[in-house]
C-alpha cells in the first residue's frame, strides 16, 4: 500500500504519543487496546495487573486505527480522552496513544514500539483474538505473557448494545 506522500504504508512504524509518561520507570507491564467506553471489565483487568506489583503502562489505539478496525461509529471517545481517562485510574502509571497506519498491526511492529519500555510483561485478556501475536511479541521482548480473565458480558461492544437497546 502506498500513502499519499508516495511512501510505503507498511514501512511506516507505529509511534507513541504519551499522555502521561512516568519520569522513572522500572520494567512495566504493558497493555494495549481501545478502551473506548470505560467499564468494570476494564477496571477489573487493569487492577488485577497492578496488584502484581509492577508499574502498569497502557497503550491506547488511535482513532484512525479504531475506525478502520471497528467501523465508522467507533471510537465513541477520542484517543486523547481515552488516554486521560485510563491514566486517571490509580492502578495505571502511564498511558500513551498508539499512532500509525491501521494496516500495521503485527506482533513485530508492536514489539518495536514497546522495546524502549523494556516491559517485564505484556498482559491481555483470555480470548483475545490477538493472543498468539501478543505471546510472540512478549517473546521478542524477552517479557512474560500474562493472560488474565475476561469479565463475561462486560465489553464496550456489549455496553453500547445495551445502551442502544434502552433508547
Protein backbone atom coordinates (compact mmCIF):
# COMPACT_ATOMS: atom_id res chain seq x y z
CA UNK A 1 0.00 0.00 0.00
CA UNK A 2 1.28 3.45 -0.84
CA UNK A 3 0.43 6.50 1.22
CA UNK A 4 -0.43 9.90 -0.31
CA UNK A 5 3.18 11.04 0.07
CA UNK A 6 4.37 8.12 -2.07
CA UNK A 7 5.86 6.12 0.79
CA UNK A 8 5.08 2.52 1.51
CA UNK A 9 2.47 2.47 4.30
CA UNK A 10 3.79 -0.83 5.63
CA UNK A 11 7.25 0.71 6.08
CA UNK A 12 5.92 3.35 8.49
CA UNK A 13 6.42 2.28 12.09
CA UNK A 14 3.98 2.64 14.92
CA UNK A 15 4.54 5.61 17.18
CA UNK A 16 3.63 6.53 20.74
CA UNK A 17 2.21 9.91 21.75
CA UNK A 18 2.46 9.99 25.52
CA UNK A 19 -0.43 11.35 27.53
CA UNK A 20 1.16 10.62 30.90
CA UNK A 21 4.77 9.47 30.76
CA UNK A 22 6.35 8.34 34.01
CA UNK A 23 9.70 10.02 34.70
CA UNK A 24 11.48 6.93 36.02
CA UNK A 25 10.03 3.57 35.25
CA UNK A 26 11.16 0.12 36.29
CA UNK A 27 10.24 -2.60 33.83
CA UNK A 28 6.45 -2.18 33.48
CA UNK A 29 3.62 -4.40 32.43
CA UNK A 30 2.21 -3.10 29.15
CA UNK A 31 -1.36 -3.43 27.91
CA UNK A 32 -2.61 -2.19 24.55
CA UNK A 33 -6.19 -1.75 23.45
CA UNK A 34 -9.03 0.56 22.51
CA UNK A 35 -10.50 1.29 25.99
CA UNK A 36 -13.31 3.24 24.32
CA UNK A 37 -16.06 3.29 26.95
CA UNK A 38 -14.60 2.52 30.37
CA UNK A 39 -16.46 -0.28 32.14
CA UNK A 40 -15.99 -2.66 35.06
CA UNK A 41 -14.29 -5.26 32.84
CA UNK A 42 -11.53 -2.75 32.07
CA UNK A 43 -11.19 -1.76 35.72
CA UNK A 44 -11.01 -5.37 36.96
CA UNK A 45 -8.48 -6.28 34.27
CA UNK A 46 -6.19 -3.29 34.92
CA UNK A 47 -6.45 -3.58 38.71
CA UNK A 48 -5.58 -7.29 38.62
CA UNK A 49 -2.43 -6.46 36.66
CA UNK A 50 -1.38 -3.66 39.03
CA UNK A 51 -1.93 -5.92 42.04
CA UNK A 52 1.05 -7.98 40.86
CA UNK A 53 3.29 -5.11 41.93
CA UNK A 54 4.79 -3.76 38.70
CA UNK A 55 4.06 -0.37 37.10
CA UNK A 56 1.27 -0.54 34.52
CA UNK A 57 1.51 1.35 31.23
CA UNK A 58 -1.45 1.35 28.83
CA UNK A 59 -1.26 1.96 25.08
CA UNK A 60 -4.49 3.32 23.58
CA UNK A 61 -5.14 2.74 19.87
CA UNK A 62 -5.59 5.95 17.83
CA UNK A 63 -8.96 6.99 16.44
CA UNK A 64 -7.87 6.22 12.88
CA UNK A 65 -6.81 2.69 13.80
CA UNK A 66 -10.01 2.01 15.78
CA UNK A 67 -12.26 3.33 12.97
CA UNK A 68 -10.52 1.08 10.44
CA UNK A 69 -10.95 -1.99 12.63
CA UNK A 70 -14.37 -1.41 14.24
CA UNK A 71 -16.21 0.77 11.74
CA UNK A 72 -17.21 4.42 11.30
CA UNK A 73 -19.16 4.68 14.59
CA UNK A 74 -16.11 3.92 16.69
CA UNK A 75 -14.43 5.04 18.74
CA UNK A 76 -17.08 6.83 20.75
CA UNK A 77 -14.46 8.85 22.65
CA UNK A 78 -11.34 10.47 21.13
CA UNK A 79 -7.97 8.83 21.81
CA UNK A 80 -6.67 11.69 23.95
CA UNK A 81 -9.71 11.46 26.25
CA UNK A 82 -9.44 7.67 26.43
CA UNK A 83 -5.75 8.02 27.39
CA UNK A 84 -6.60 10.65 30.01
CA UNK A 85 -9.39 8.52 31.50
CA UNK A 86 -7.17 5.44 31.75
CA UNK A 87 -4.27 7.47 33.21
CA UNK A 88 -6.63 8.78 35.93
CA UNK A 89 -7.07 5.28 37.36
CA UNK A 90 -4.93 4.80 40.46
CA UNK A 91 -3.68 1.44 39.19
CA UNK A 92 -2.21 2.96 35.99
CA UNK A 93 1.26 4.51 35.95
CA UNK A 94 1.18 5.96 32.43
CA UNK A 95 -0.67 5.96 29.13
CA UNK A 96 0.08 6.73 25.51
CA UNK A 97 -1.72 6.78 22.16
CA UNK A 98 -0.57 4.30 19.51
CA UNK A 99 -0.27 6.08 16.16
CA UNK A 100 0.34 4.55 12.75
CA UNK A 101 -1.37 3.08 9.73
CA UNK A 102 -4.24 0.72 10.67
CA UNK A 103 -2.72 -1.96 8.46
CA UNK A 104 0.34 -2.14 10.73
CA UNK A 105 -0.86 -4.42 13.50
CA UNK A 106 1.58 -7.33 13.57
CA UNK A 107 3.48 -8.52 16.63
CA UNK A 108 6.85 -7.32 15.28
CA UNK A 109 5.59 -3.72 14.89
CA UNK A 110 4.23 -3.73 18.45
CA UNK A 111 7.48 -5.25 19.75
CA UNK A 112 9.42 -2.44 18.04
CA UNK A 113 7.08 0.16 19.55
CA UNK A 114 7.33 -1.26 23.07
CA UNK A 115 11.04 -2.17 23.08
CA UNK A 116 12.15 1.20 24.60
CA UNK A 117 9.93 0.47 27.61
CA UNK A 118 11.71 -2.87 28.23
CA UNK A 119 8.47 -4.39 29.52
CA UNK A 120 8.59 -7.15 32.11
CA UNK A 121 5.28 -8.47 30.76
CA UNK A 122 2.59 -7.92 28.16
CA UNK A 123 -0.91 -8.52 29.54
CA UNK A 124 -4.08 -9.38 27.67
CA UNK A 125 -7.47 -10.92 28.38
CA UNK A 126 -8.35 -14.55 27.87
CA UNK A 127 -9.99 -14.99 24.50
CA UNK A 128 -8.19 -12.01 22.93
CA UNK A 129 -8.15 -12.67 19.19
CA UNK A 130 -4.53 -11.49 19.12
CA UNK A 131 -3.33 -13.84 21.88
CA UNK A 132 -0.78 -15.66 19.73
CA UNK A 133 0.60 -12.40 18.34
CA UNK A 134 0.91 -10.96 21.85
CA UNK A 135 2.72 -14.07 23.05
CA UNK A 136 5.15 -13.79 20.11
CA UNK A 137 5.65 -10.09 20.87
CA UNK A 138 6.38 -10.88 24.52
CA UNK A 139 8.92 -13.50 23.47
CA UNK A 140 10.60 -10.99 21.14
CA UNK A 141 10.80 -8.52 24.03
CA UNK A 142 12.02 -11.18 26.50
CA UNK A 143 8.93 -10.38 28.55
CA UNK A 144 6.35 -12.60 30.17
CA UNK A 145 2.92 -13.02 28.56
CA UNK A 146 0.14 -12.60 31.12
CA UNK A 147 -3.28 -13.88 30.14
CA UNK A 148 -5.91 -12.65 32.61
CA UNK A 149 -9.61 -13.49 32.89
CA UNK A 150 -12.21 -11.73 30.79
CA UNK A 151 -15.26 -10.38 32.64
CA UNK A 152 -18.18 -12.04 30.78
CA UNK A 153 -20.73 -9.65 29.30
CA UNK A 154 -18.57 -6.62 30.04
CA UNK A 155 -17.12 -5.14 26.89
CA UNK A 156 -17.51 -1.83 25.12
CA UNK A 157 -19.48 -3.55 22.35
CA UNK A 158 -21.86 -5.08 24.92
CA UNK A 159 -22.23 -1.74 26.74
CA UNK A 160 -23.03 0.07 23.50
CA UNK A 161 -25.54 -2.66 22.62
CA UNK A 162 -27.29 -2.28 25.98
CA UNK A 163 -27.37 1.49 25.53
CA UNK A 164 -28.84 1.26 22.02
CA UNK A 165 -31.45 -1.25 23.22
CA UNK A 166 -32.53 1.04 26.07
CA UNK A 167 -33.12 4.06 23.83
